[in-house]
Protein backbone atom coordinates (compact mmCIF):
# COMPACT_ATOMS: atom_id res chain seq x y z
CA MET A 1 -34.14 64.09 47.15
CA ILE A 2 -35.63 64.41 50.67
CA PHE A 3 -39.02 63.73 49.20
CA LEU A 4 -37.89 60.54 47.75
CA LEU A 5 -36.34 59.46 51.07
CA TRP A 6 -39.69 60.20 52.80
CA PHE A 7 -41.47 57.68 50.61
CA PHE A 8 -38.66 55.26 50.13
CA PRO A 9 -36.69 55.14 53.49
CA PRO A 10 -33.20 53.68 53.39
CA PRO A 11 -33.23 49.99 54.11
CA VAL A 12 -32.64 48.97 57.78
CA PRO A 13 -29.85 46.43 58.43
CA PRO A 14 -31.55 43.16 58.93
CA THR A 15 -29.90 42.41 62.38
CA LEU A 16 -31.19 45.69 63.70
CA LEU A 17 -34.70 44.90 62.36
CA LYS A 18 -34.61 41.37 63.93
CA ARG A 19 -33.33 42.75 67.25
CA THR A 20 -36.15 45.32 67.27
CA ILE A 21 -38.81 42.74 66.41
CA SER A 22 -37.56 40.27 68.99
CA ARG A 23 -37.53 42.95 71.62
CA THR A 24 -41.13 44.04 70.75
CA VAL A 25 -42.30 40.45 70.90
CA ALA A 26 -40.55 39.77 74.18
CA GLY A 27 -42.00 42.93 75.64
CA VAL A 28 -45.53 42.07 74.60
CA CYS A 29 -45.14 38.52 75.94
CA ILE A 30 -43.91 39.86 79.33
CA TYR A 31 -46.73 42.39 79.32
CA PHE A 32 -49.39 39.66 78.94
CA PHE A 33 -47.71 37.43 81.42
CA LEU A 34 -47.68 40.11 84.02
CA LYS A 35 -51.25 40.99 83.31
CA ARG A 36 -52.38 37.32 83.75
CA VAL A 37 -50.28 37.09 86.99
CA PHE A 38 -51.83 40.30 88.44
CA GLN A 39 -55.28 39.27 87.49
CA GLU A 40 -54.98 35.74 88.92
CA GLU A 41 -53.05 36.72 92.13
CA LYS A 42 -54.94 40.00 92.74
CA ILE A 43 -51.55 41.47 93.86
CA ASN A 44 -51.59 45.18 94.92
CA ILE A 45 -49.30 46.79 92.33
CA VAL A 46 -48.74 49.81 94.45
CA ASN A 47 -47.39 47.57 97.35
CA LEU A 48 -45.22 45.67 94.77
CA PHE A 49 -43.80 49.02 93.59
CA LEU A 50 -42.96 50.04 97.10
CA GLN A 51 -41.25 46.80 97.74
CA GLY A 52 -39.17 47.34 94.56
CA LEU A 53 -38.19 50.77 95.79
CA CYS A 54 -37.17 49.29 99.11
CA TYR A 55 -35.17 46.57 97.40
CA ASP A 56 -33.49 49.26 95.17
CA ASN A 57 -32.38 51.14 98.28
CA THR A 58 -30.87 48.04 99.92
CA LEU A 59 -28.72 47.52 96.83
CA LYS A 60 -27.11 50.95 97.14
């Protein structure tokens, strides 16, 4: 029985599948967008990261 489940996994609910696919697509789009921005602007990522940490501290 477990062997069969291994080869034929139970069907995933279509809404969950759509959500996962859309999140993956969004993540890939954001990744490529950020990659392009960092290449064009030549921003120091470490500096941006430190600014983010400072911003997080001001929110608390």
